[in-house]
Amino acid sequence: MKLQNTTKNAFLITLFLAMLLCALPIIAAAQEKIAFHSDRDGNYEIYVMNANGSNQTRLTNNPAGDGGPSWGGQANADGDDDSAPDDTDNCPTISNPDQLDTDSDGQGNACDADDDGDGVSDVNDDFPLDTNESTDTDGDGIGNNTDADDDNDGSSDIAEIAAGSDPLNPASTPEVCDGADNDLDGSVDEGFLNTDGDALANCVDPDDDNDGVLDTADNCSLTPNPDQADFDEDGIGDTCDPQTGPPKRKEQCKDGGWMRFDFPRTFRNQGDCTKFVNAGN
C-alpha cells in the first residue's frame, strides 16, 4: 500500500513538471514582448512589438497623449516621475506636476503645442495662454484685438483703415499734404487739391494754376491769368473777380468802361459813372 502511494506521488510530480515545461515557451514568448509609446502619428500612443521589432501594434487611440506603458501589476506607473500616474497624466512623457491644461483639451500645457487652443501654435503666439489674442505688432504688451493703435505710430487703427494706410506698419500713416508718400501706396498727396493737374498738390505747388505767376503774387492763384488784369483795381484779377467795381478813377469810366461796372450798381452812361467817382463813393 505504501509502495502504491509512493508511485502515485511520483506520477503526480512527473505530470506537474511536464506541464510546467510545456508552459515555459508561452511565458517566455510573453516576456519577449516590448511595450513602448510613440508619436509617429502626431500624438503619443502606446504600442507593443516583439523583441526583434516585428509585429508592431498600436493599443491606444486617444486624442490626449498616452505614454508610460507597463505590464500588469503596474497600473499606477509614473514614467515621468511627476507624481501623476501615467494612466491619468495629461503629459505622461513630460514632467508636469501641476497638470495645467489651459484649453482643457486633455493635453497638458507642458506637451501641448497650442496651449490656449486658438489655432496659433505657441511658438508663433505672442499670447500663448490667451485664446482671444495671438499677435502684438508693436510689442507693447497689448494684443492687436484690444490695442487701438497696433503699430504704435500715433494714428489709430480706425483712422488708418479709413485713410487707406496700413495699421500694422508704423512707417505707413494717413496721407497729409506735404509732398511725401505718407501711406506708402506709391502716390504723393493723393486726395488733396491739385488745380493744375501737375505732379504737385496745391499745398506744395508754388504756382497752383500754372500761369507762370507765383501764387504769392498771383491775383487769381487758382485761375490762369498771365496778364494779371485787374480793371477795378481791387486786387482780384478780372478772370476770377465775382464783381467789378466800384470805380475809383474817372479814367475808368471812359471808352465804355462805365459799362463794365456792376458794383455797387450799374451806370447809365459815362457821365453817371464819372459823377459817382467825383462824389467820393
Protein backbone atom coordinates (compact mmCIF):
# COMPACT_ATOMS: atom_id res chain seq x y z
CA MET A 1 0.00 0.00 0.00
CA LYS A 2 2.86 2.31 0.89
CA LEU A 3 4.52 1.49 -2.42
CA GLN A 4 1.35 2.44 -4.33
CA ASN A 5 1.22 5.90 -2.64
CA THR A 6 4.85 6.49 -3.45
CA THR A 7 4.28 5.54 -7.07
CA LYS A 8 1.23 7.80 -7.24
CA ASN A 9 3.10 10.78 -5.84
CA ALA A 10 5.93 10.25 -8.26
CA PHE A 11 3.48 10.24 -11.13
CA LEU A 12 1.87 13.49 -10.00
CA ILE A 13 5.23 15.18 -9.66
CA THR A 14 6.23 13.98 -13.11
CA LEU A 15 2.96 15.26 -14.59
CA PHE A 16 3.39 18.69 -12.96
CA LEU A 17 6.92 19.01 -14.29
CA ALA A 18 5.77 18.06 -17.80
CA MET A 19 3.02 20.72 -17.72
CA LEU A 20 5.48 23.32 -16.46
CA LEU A 21 7.89 22.56 -19.27
CA CYS A 22 5.08 22.98 -21.81
CA ALA A 23 4.11 26.37 -20.36
CA LEU A 24 7.62 27.81 -20.29
CA PRO A 25 7.73 28.68 -24.04
CA ILE A 26 4.44 30.56 -23.70
CA ILE A 27 5.69 32.50 -20.69
CA ALA A 28 8.95 33.19 -22.45
CA ALA A 29 7.11 34.41 -25.55
CA ALA A 30 5.03 36.79 -23.47
CA GLN A 31 8.15 38.11 -21.80
CA GLU A 32 9.67 38.82 -25.21
CA LYS A 33 7.03 41.49 -25.93
CA ILE A 34 8.08 45.11 -25.58
CA ALA A 35 5.63 47.89 -24.73
CA PHE A 36 6.51 51.44 -25.79
CA HIS A 37 4.95 54.82 -26.67
CA SER A 38 5.49 56.83 -29.86
CA ASP A 39 4.19 59.99 -31.54
CA ARG A 40 4.62 58.59 -35.03
CA ASP A 41 1.01 59.51 -35.85
CA GLY A 42 1.37 63.03 -34.46
CA ASN A 43 0.15 62.11 -30.97
CA TYR A 44 1.70 59.87 -28.32
CA GLU A 45 0.07 56.40 -28.31
CA ILE A 46 1.01 53.06 -26.72
CA TYR A 47 2.32 50.19 -28.89
CA VAL A 48 3.61 46.65 -28.36
CA MET A 49 6.04 44.71 -30.52
CA ASN A 50 8.12 41.59 -30.49
CA ALA A 51 11.56 41.80 -29.00
CA ASN A 52 13.01 41.75 -32.51
CA GLY A 53 10.95 44.80 -33.51
CA SER A 54 8.40 42.94 -35.58
CA ASN A 55 4.61 42.94 -35.30
CA GLN A 56 4.28 46.49 -34.02
CA THR A 57 0.70 47.04 -32.88
CA ARG A 58 -0.96 50.21 -31.58
CA LEU A 59 -3.03 49.62 -28.46
CA THR A 60 -4.46 53.11 -27.83
CA ASN A 61 -6.21 55.74 -29.93
CA ASN A 62 -6.71 58.74 -27.67
CA PRO A 63 -6.81 62.46 -28.60
CA ALA A 64 -4.72 63.11 -25.48
CA GLY A 65 -1.18 61.80 -25.30
CA ASP A 66 -0.70 58.27 -23.96
CA GLY A 67 2.59 57.02 -22.55
CA GLY A 68 4.40 55.25 -19.78
CA PRO A 69 3.19 51.75 -20.76
CA SER A 70 3.62 49.00 -18.16
CA TRP A 71 2.73 45.33 -17.87
CA GLY A 72 0.08 44.05 -15.44
CA GLY A 73 0.57 44.88 -11.80
CA GLN A 74 1.96 48.37 -12.59
CA ALA A 75 -1.24 50.28 -13.34
CA ASN A 76 -0.08 53.26 -11.32
CA ALA A 77 3.29 53.62 -13.08
CA ASP A 78 4.65 57.18 -13.33
CA GLY A 79 7.04 57.27 -16.26
CA ASP A 80 7.89 60.96 -15.98
CA ASP A 81 8.11 60.94 -12.18
CA ASP A 82 5.78 63.94 -11.71
CA SER A 83 3.52 62.28 -9.12
CA ALA A 84 0.72 61.92 -11.69
CA PRO A 85 0.10 58.26 -12.65
CA ASP A 86 0.59 57.61 -16.34
CA ASP A 87 -2.98 56.46 -16.80
CA THR A 88 -4.26 59.91 -15.72
CA ASP A 89 -1.23 62.09 -16.57
CA ASN A 90 -2.09 64.66 -19.29
CA CYS A 91 1.59 64.69 -20.29
CA PRO A 92 2.77 61.16 -19.44
CA THR A 93 6.19 61.61 -21.01
CA ILE A 94 6.93 65.14 -19.77
CA SER A 95 7.04 66.03 -16.10
CA ASN A 96 4.26 68.49 -15.22
CA PRO A 97 3.23 68.15 -11.58
CA ASP A 98 0.67 70.98 -11.90
CA GLN A 99 -1.15 69.18 -14.77
CA LEU A 100 -2.11 72.63 -16.14
CA ASP A 101 -4.30 72.35 -19.25
CA THR A 102 -5.36 75.87 -20.27
CA ASP A 103 -7.61 74.89 -23.17
CA SER A 104 -8.98 71.76 -21.46
CA ASP A 105 -8.18 69.59 -24.46
CA GLY A 106 -6.74 66.75 -22.40
CA GLN A 107 -3.15 67.69 -23.22
CA GLY A 108 -1.23 69.49 -20.51
CA ASN A 109 0.46 72.76 -21.38
CA ALA A 110 3.85 71.11 -20.97
CA CYS A 111 3.26 68.94 -24.04
CA ASP A 112 0.53 70.91 -25.89
CA ALA A 113 1.73 72.75 -28.99
CA ASP A 114 -1.19 75.20 -28.71
CA ASP A 115 -1.88 75.83 -25.03
CA ASP A 116 -4.87 78.13 -25.50
CA GLY A 117 -6.39 76.25 -28.44
CA ASP A 118 -6.73 79.35 -30.63
CA GLY A 119 -5.27 77.71 -33.72
CA VAL A 120 -1.93 79.52 -33.42
CA SER A 121 0.96 77.40 -32.19
CA ASP A 122 2.66 78.57 -29.01
CA VAL A 123 5.92 79.28 -30.86
CA ASN A 124 4.10 81.81 -33.05
CA ASP A 125 1.64 83.08 -30.43
CA ASP A 126 2.51 86.32 -28.60
CA PHE A 127 -0.14 85.34 -26.03
CA PRO A 128 0.04 81.52 -25.80
CA LEU A 129 -2.34 81.40 -22.83
CA ASP A 130 -4.95 83.88 -24.16
CA THR A 131 -7.43 82.43 -26.63
CA ASN A 132 -8.53 85.95 -27.68
CA GLU A 133 -5.08 87.26 -28.60
CA SER A 134 -2.17 85.94 -30.61
CA THR A 135 -0.41 88.98 -32.10
CA ASP A 136 1.20 92.10 -30.62
CA THR A 137 2.59 94.01 -33.61
CA ASP A 138 4.12 96.89 -31.68
CA GLY A 139 5.29 94.79 -28.72
CA ASP A 140 3.55 96.97 -26.15
CA GLY A 141 2.03 94.04 -24.28
CA ILE A 142 -1.47 94.72 -25.64
CA GLY A 143 -2.81 92.28 -28.24
CA ASN A 144 -3.91 93.64 -31.60
CA ASN A 145 -7.54 92.73 -30.91
CA THR A 146 -7.51 95.13 -27.96
CA ASP A 147 -4.88 97.69 -28.98
CA ALA A 148 -6.35 100.84 -30.57
CA ASP A 149 -3.04 101.54 -32.34
CA ASP A 150 -1.48 98.22 -33.36
CA ASP A 151 1.70 99.68 -34.86
CA ASN A 152 2.07 102.48 -32.30
CA ASP A 153 2.59 105.15 -34.98
CA GLY A 154 0.30 107.68 -33.32
CA SER A 155 -2.61 107.10 -35.70
CA SER A 156 -5.43 104.87 -34.50
CA ASP A 157 -6.25 101.71 -36.43
CA ILE A 158 -9.69 103.12 -37.23
CA ALA A 159 -8.19 106.30 -38.68
CA GLU A 160 -5.63 104.36 -40.70
CA ILE A 161 -8.19 101.99 -42.18
CA ALA A 162 -10.41 104.94 -43.13
CA ALA A 163 -7.46 106.78 -44.70
CA GLY A 164 -6.10 103.74 -46.52
CA SER A 165 -2.80 103.45 -44.66
CA ASP A 166 -1.53 100.22 -43.11
CA PRO A 167 -2.45 99.91 -39.39
CA LEU A 168 0.24 97.24 -38.91
CA ASN A 169 3.13 99.26 -40.39
CA PRO A 170 4.47 102.14 -38.29
CA ALA A 171 6.05 103.67 -41.41
CA SER A 172 2.62 103.93 -43.08
CA THR A 173 0.44 106.77 -41.77
CA PRO A 174 -2.60 108.64 -43.13
CA GLU A 175 -1.65 110.85 -46.06
CA VAL A 176 -1.12 114.54 -45.33
CA CYS A 177 -0.37 117.26 -47.87
CA ASP A 178 3.39 117.61 -47.52
CA GLY A 179 4.95 116.35 -50.73
CA ALA A 180 5.67 112.90 -49.27
CA ASP A 181 4.09 109.45 -49.66
CA ASN A 182 2.98 109.09 -46.05
CA ASP A 183 0.85 105.97 -46.51
CA LEU A 184 3.41 104.20 -48.74
CA ASP A 185 0.92 103.47 -51.51
CA GLY A 186 3.16 104.81 -54.25
CA SER A 187 1.32 108.12 -54.63
CA VAL A 188 2.11 111.52 -53.14
CA ASP A 189 -0.52 113.80 -51.58
CA GLU A 190 -3.35 111.87 -53.21
CA GLY A 191 -6.78 113.18 -52.29
CA PHE A 192 -5.60 116.79 -51.95
CA LEU A 193 -6.46 119.63 -54.36
CA ASN A 194 -4.22 119.89 -57.41
CA THR A 195 -5.68 122.68 -59.53
CA ASP A 196 -3.34 122.49 -62.50
CA GLY A 197 -3.08 118.70 -62.53
CA ASP A 198 0.69 118.64 -62.35
CA ALA A 199 2.76 116.45 -60.03
CA LEU A 200 2.34 118.82 -57.08
CA ALA A 201 -0.73 119.29 -54.93
CA ASN A 202 -1.62 122.91 -54.24
CA CYS A 203 -0.23 122.70 -50.72
CA VAL A 204 3.30 122.31 -52.08
CA ASP A 205 2.88 123.84 -55.58
CA PRO A 206 4.32 127.39 -55.85
CA ASP A 207 2.12 128.09 -58.91
CA ASP A 208 -1.24 126.36 -58.41
CA ASP A 209 -2.76 127.45 -61.74
CA ASN A 210 0.47 127.07 -63.71
CA ASP A 211 0.11 130.50 -65.37
CA GLY A 212 3.72 131.50 -64.77
CA VAL A 213 2.89 133.81 -61.86
CA LEU A 214 3.78 132.52 -58.40
CA ASP A 215 0.87 132.16 -56.01
CA THR A 216 2.39 134.75 -53.66
CA ALA A 217 1.98 137.42 -56.36
CA ASP A 218 -0.92 135.98 -58.39
CA ASN A 219 -4.21 137.93 -58.17
CA CYS A 220 -6.02 134.79 -59.35
CA SER A 221 -3.92 131.98 -57.87
CA LEU A 222 -6.35 129.22 -58.87
CA THR A 223 -7.33 130.58 -62.29
CA PRO A 224 -4.74 131.07 -65.04
CA ASN A 225 -4.35 134.77 -65.91
CA PRO A 226 -0.84 135.51 -67.09
CA ASP A 227 -1.71 139.19 -67.80
CA GLN A 228 -2.93 139.74 -64.19
CA ALA A 229 -5.51 142.26 -65.48
CA ASP A 230 -7.48 143.95 -62.70
CA PHE A 231 -9.81 146.58 -64.23
CA ASP A 232 -11.46 147.70 -60.98
CA GLU A 233 -8.12 147.72 -59.16
CA ASP A 234 -9.45 145.78 -56.17
CA GLY A 235 -6.56 143.29 -56.04
CA ILE A 236 -8.60 140.49 -57.59
CA GLY A 237 -7.85 139.68 -61.22
CA ASP A 238 -10.63 140.15 -63.74
CA THR A 239 -10.54 136.42 -64.57
CA CYS A 240 -11.63 135.38 -61.09
CA ASP A 241 -13.31 138.57 -59.75
CA PRO A 242 -17.02 137.86 -58.97
CA GLN A 243 -17.87 141.57 -59.28
CA THR A 244 -16.45 144.65 -60.96
CA GLY A 245 -16.43 147.92 -59.04
CA PRO A 246 -16.72 150.39 -57.64
CA PRO A 247 -14.84 152.73 -59.99
CA LYS A 248 -12.02 154.58 -58.27
CA ARG A 249 -10.87 156.94 -61.05
CA LYS A 250 -12.67 158.91 -63.74
CA GLU A 251 -10.45 157.35 -66.36
CA GLN A 252 -12.09 154.01 -65.62
CA CYS A 253 -15.39 155.42 -66.88
CA LYS A 254 -14.00 156.36 -70.31
CA ASP A 255 -14.07 154.36 -73.53
CA GLY A 256 -17.10 152.35 -72.45
CA GLY A 257 -15.50 151.42 -69.17
CA TRP A 258 -18.63 152.58 -67.32
CA MET A 259 -20.47 149.60 -68.80
CA ARG A 260 -18.18 147.09 -67.13
CA PHE A 261 -19.10 148.04 -63.59
CA ASP A 262 -21.77 146.06 -61.78
CA PHE A 263 -20.96 147.04 -58.19
CA PRO A 264 -22.24 148.79 -56.19
CA ARG A 265 -24.58 149.45 -59.15
CA THR A 266 -24.59 149.72 -62.90
CA PHE A 267 -24.26 153.11 -64.60
CA ARG A 268 -26.43 154.73 -67.24
CA ASN A 269 -23.55 156.35 -69.11
CA GLN A 270 -20.04 157.70 -68.75
CA GLY A 271 -21.28 160.85 -67.03
CA ASP A 272 -23.20 158.84 -64.43
CA CYS A 273 -20.03 156.83 -63.70
CA THR A 274 -17.88 160.00 -63.52
CA LYS A 275 -20.36 161.68 -61.18
CA PHE A 276 -20.15 158.59 -58.90
CA VAL A 277 -16.36 158.90 -58.75
CA ASN A 278 -16.46 162.66 -58.12
CA ALA A 279 -18.88 162.15 -55.28
CA GLY A 280 -16.21 160.17 -53.49
CA ASN A 281 -18.17 156.95 -53.46
